[in-house]
C-alpha atoms as a PDB file:
ATOM      1  CA  UNK A   1      -0.167   0.066  -0.320  1.00  0.00           C
ATOM      2  CA  UNK A   2       3.260   2.299   0.958  1.00  0.00           C
ATOM      3  CA  UNK A   3       4.202   1.464  -2.711  1.00  0.00           C
ATOM      4  CA  UNK A   4       1.526   2.143  -4.342  1.00  0.00           C
ATOM      5  CA  UNK A   5       0.756   5.977  -2.782  1.00  0.00           C
ATOM      6  CA  UNK A   6       4.671   6.516  -3.593  1.00  0.00           C
ATOM      7  CA  UNK A   7       4.193   5.480  -7.524  1.00  0.00           C
ATOM      8  CA  UNK A   8       0.746   7.788  -7.425  1.00  0.00           C
ATOM      9  CA  UNK A   9       2.512  10.557  -5.980  1.00  0.00           C
ATOM     10  CA  UNK A  10       5.324  10.310  -8.232  1.00  0.00           C
ATOM     11  CA  UNK A  11       2.608  10.244 -11.230  1.00  0.00           C
ATOM     12  CA  UNK A  12       1.737  13.204 -10.123  1.00  0.00           C
ATOM     13  CA  UNK A  13       4.531  15.163  -8.756  1.00  0.00           C
ATOM     14  CA  UNK A  14       7.659  14.028 -10.623  1.00  0.00           C
ATOM     15  CA  UNK A  15       9.179  17.546 -10.940  1.00  0.00           C
ATOM     16  CA  UNK A  16       8.385  18.588  -7.417  1.00  0.00           C
ATOM     17  CA  UNK A  17      10.107  15.370  -6.179  1.00  0.00           C
ATOM     18  CA  UNK A  18      13.123  15.798  -8.753  1.00  0.00           C
ATOM     19  CA  UNK A  19      13.639  19.727  -7.570  1.00  0.00           C
ATOM     20  CA  UNK A  20      13.168  18.716  -3.895  1.00  0.00           C
ATOM     21  CA  UNK A  21      15.957  16.421  -3.888  1.00  0.00           C
ATOM     22  CA  UNK A  22      18.385  16.926  -6.393  1.00  0.00           C
ATOM     23  CA  UNK A  23      17.534  20.768  -7.685  1.00  0.00           C
ATOM     24  CA  UNK A  24      16.589  22.013 -11.194  1.00  0.00           C
ATOM     25  CA  UNK A  25      19.923  20.010 -12.505  1.00  0.00           C
ATOM     26  CA  UNK A  26      17.957  16.977 -12.848  1.00  0.00           C
ATOM     27  CA  UNK A  27      14.764  17.860 -14.118  1.00  0.00           C
ATOM     28  CA  UNK A  28      15.013  15.707 -17.151  1.00  0.00           C
ATOM     29  CA  UNK A  29      14.914  12.872 -15.218  1.00  0.00           C
ATOM     30  CA  UNK A  30      11.560  13.393 -13.844  1.00  0.00           C
ATOM     31  CA  UNK A  31      10.375  11.739 -17.055  1.00  0.00           C
ATOM     32  CA  UNK A  32      11.630   8.355 -15.595  1.00  0.00           C
ATOM     33  CA  UNK A  33      10.522   8.829 -12.139  1.00  0.00           C
ATOM     34  CA  UNK A  34       6.951   7.117 -12.630  1.00  0.00           C
ATOM     35  CA  UNK A  35       8.541   4.119 -14.362  1.00  0.00           C
ATOM     36  CA  UNK A  36      11.400   3.450 -12.224  1.00  0.00           C
ATOM     37  CA  UNK A  37       8.959   3.941  -9.106  1.00  0.00           C
ATOM     38  CA  UNK A  38       6.763   1.372 -10.580  1.00  0.00           C
ATOM     39  CA  UNK A  39       9.772  -1.173 -10.849  1.00  0.00           C
ATOM     40  CA  UNK A  40      10.949  -0.620  -7.241  1.00  0.00           C
ATOM     41  CA  UNK A  41       7.750  -1.429  -5.996  1.00  0.00           C
ATOM     42  CA  UNK A  42       7.589  -4.394  -8.090  1.00  0.00           C
ATOM     43  CA  UNK A  43      11.217  -5.156  -6.821  1.00  0.00           C
ATOM     44  CA  UNK A  44      10.240  -4.683  -3.582  1.00  0.00           C
ATOM     45  CA  UNK A  45       7.382  -7.306  -3.772  1.00  0.00           C
ATOM     46  CA  UNK A  46       9.537  -9.791  -5.521  1.00  0.00           C
ATOM     47  CA  UNK A  47      12.084 -10.034  -2.966  1.00  0.00           C
ATOM     48  CA  UNK A  48       9.836 -10.614  -0.223  1.00  0.00           C
ATOM     49  CA  UNK A  49       8.124 -13.023  -2.048  1.00  0.00           C
ATOM     50  CA  UNK A  50      11.840 -14.639  -2.424  1.00  0.00           C
ATOM     51  CA  UNK A  51      12.843 -14.334   0.781  1.00  0.00           C
ATOM     52  CA  UNK A  52       9.224 -16.075   2.598  1.00  0.00           C
ATOM     53  CA  UNK A  53      10.495 -18.924   0.155  1.00  0.00           C
ATOM     54  CA  UNK A  54      13.886 -19.177   1.209  1.00  0.00           C
ATOM     55  CA  UNK A  55      12.577 -19.257   4.928  1.00  0.00           C
ATOM     56  CA  UNK A  56      10.277 -21.697   4.156  1.00  0.00           C
ATOM     57  CA  UNK A  57      13.104 -23.626   2.732  1.00  0.00           C
ATOM     58  CA  UNK A  58      11.936 -23.944  -0.917  1.00  0.00           C
ATOM     59  CA  UNK A  59      15.237 -23.506  -2.891  1.00  0.00           C
ATOM     60  CA  UNK A  60      13.954 -22.969  -6.129  1.00  0.00           C
ATOM     61  CA  UNK A  61      13.367 -19.480  -4.893  1.00  0.00           C
ATOM     62  CA  UNK A  62      17.489 -18.676  -5.755  1.00  0.00           C
ATOM     63  CA  UNK A  63      16.339 -20.080  -9.159  1.00  0.00           C
ATOM     64  CA  UNK A  64      13.563 -18.106  -9.856  1.00  0.00           C
ATOM     65  CA  UNK A  65      16.004 -14.745  -8.632  1.00  0.00           C
ATOM     66  CA  UNK A  66      18.373 -15.724 -11.134  1.00  0.00           C
ATOM     67  CA  UNK A  67      16.070 -17.112 -14.203  1.00  0.00           C
ATOM     68  CA  UNK A  68      14.314 -13.451 -13.664  1.00  0.00           C
ATOM     69  CA  UNK A  69      17.444 -11.609 -13.416  1.00  0.00           C
ATOM     70  CA  UNK A  70      18.672 -13.420 -16.769  1.00  0.00           C
ATOM     71  CA  UNK A  71      15.758 -12.700 -18.952  1.00  0.00           C
ATOM     72  CA  UNK A  72      16.301  -9.084 -17.359  1.00  0.00           C
ATOM     73  CA  UNK A  73      19.700  -9.003 -18.820  1.00  0.00           C
ATOM     74  CA  UNK A  74      18.668 -10.406 -22.385  1.00  0.00           C
ATOM     75  CA  UNK A  75      15.515  -8.163 -22.242  1.00  0.00           C
ATOM     76  CA  UNK A  76      18.440  -4.946 -21.916  1.00  0.00           C
ATOM     77  CA  UNK A  77      20.992  -6.463 -23.670  1.00  0.00           C
ATOM     78  CA  UNK A  78      18.011  -6.684 -26.866  1.00  0.00           C
ATOM     79  CA  UNK A  79      16.355  -3.641 -26.327  1.00  0.00           C
ATOM     80  CA  UNK A  80      18.323  -0.457 -24.956  1.00  0.00           C
ATOM     81  CA  UNK A  81      17.508   2.429 -26.931  1.00  0.00           C
ATOM     82  CA  UNK A  82      17.182   4.554 -23.863  1.00  0.00           C
ATOM     83  CA  UNK A  83      16.689   4.478 -20.042  1.00  0.00           C
ATOM     84  CA  UNK A  84      12.569   4.263 -20.205  1.00  0.00           C
ATOM     85  CA  UNK A  85      12.722   1.347 -22.102  1.00  0.00           C
ATOM     86  CA  UNK A  86      15.552  -0.195 -20.015  1.00  0.00           C
ATOM     87  CA  UNK A  87      13.378   0.151 -16.696  1.00  0.00           C
ATOM     88  CA  UNK A  88      10.148  -0.854 -18.808  1.00  0.00           C
ATOM     89  CA  UNK A  89      12.624  -4.029 -19.511  1.00  0.00           C
ATOM     90  CA  UNK A  90      13.471  -4.640 -15.777  1.00  0.00           C
ATOM     91  CA  UNK A  91       9.508  -3.904 -15.409  1.00  0.00           C
ATOM     92  CA  UNK A  92       8.939  -6.950 -17.302  1.00  0.00           C
ATOM     93  CA  UNK A  93      11.508  -9.634 -16.256  1.00  0.00           C
ATOM     94  CA  UNK A  94      10.121  -9.053 -12.904  1.00  0.00           C
ATOM     95  CA  UNK A  95       6.708  -9.095 -13.672  1.00  0.00           C
ATOM     96  CA  UNK A  96       7.655 -12.614 -15.457  1.00  0.00           C
ATOM     97  CA  UNK A  97       9.444 -13.226 -11.702  1.00  0.00           C
ATOM     98  CA  UNK A  98       6.459 -12.077  -9.639  1.00  0.00           C
ATOM     99  CA  UNK A  99       4.350 -14.727 -11.431  1.00  0.00           C
ATOM    100  CA  UNK A 100       6.240 -16.980 -10.657  1.00  0.00           C
ATOM    101  CA  UNK A 101       7.074 -16.694  -7.129  1.00  0.00           C
ATOM    102  CA  UNK A 102       3.294 -15.754  -6.685  1.00  0.00           C
ATOM    103  CA  UNK A 103       2.212 -19.387  -7.791  1.00  0.00           C
ATOM    104  CA  UNK A 104       5.367 -20.923  -5.366  1.00  0.00           C
ATOM    105  CA  UNK A 105       4.193 -18.651  -2.502  1.00  0.00           C
ATOM    106  CA  UNK A 106       0.501 -19.859  -2.678  1.00  0.00           C
ATOM    107  CA  UNK A 107       1.676 -23.706  -2.925  1.00  0.00           C
ATOM    108  CA  UNK A 108       3.499 -23.067   0.510  1.00  0.00           C
ATOM    109  CA  UNK A 109       0.861 -21.438   2.016  1.00  0.00           C
ATOM    110  CA  UNK A 110      -1.635 -24.064   0.711  1.00  0.00           C
ATOM    111  CA  UNK A 111       0.906 -27.031   1.660  1.00  0.00           C
ATOM    112  CA  UNK A 112       1.039 -25.420   5.040  1.00  0.00           C
ATOM    113  CA  UNK A 113      -2.872 -25.411   5.582  1.00  0.00           C
ATOM    114  CA  UNK A 114      -3.317 -28.810   4.462  1.00  0.00           C
ATOM    115  CA  UNK A 115      -0.474 -30.082   7.145  1.00  0.00           C
END
């Protein structure tokens, strides 16, 4: 919920955040702030799921993390025209990673309920 509030704030006031934190010299970066906020929010959720799976003894979580990172590298290698495309590639890779970690988390929770 906190991430969602940050993403919405960055969407509505990107120039304000850049001015407050870094000054007028970096206002060009404001155009990347919304997508980067989405990326960081997804990364936080992905990391939370990976840590949960590892805590539950699921070593497959490291494979999901590795495959997600590899997909991110491949996407950036293929498409890297500008910084915004690189951020979008990272969002796509994390989206796939979140799908697999979400399935794994639901499976672990269901297995614990059935014990």
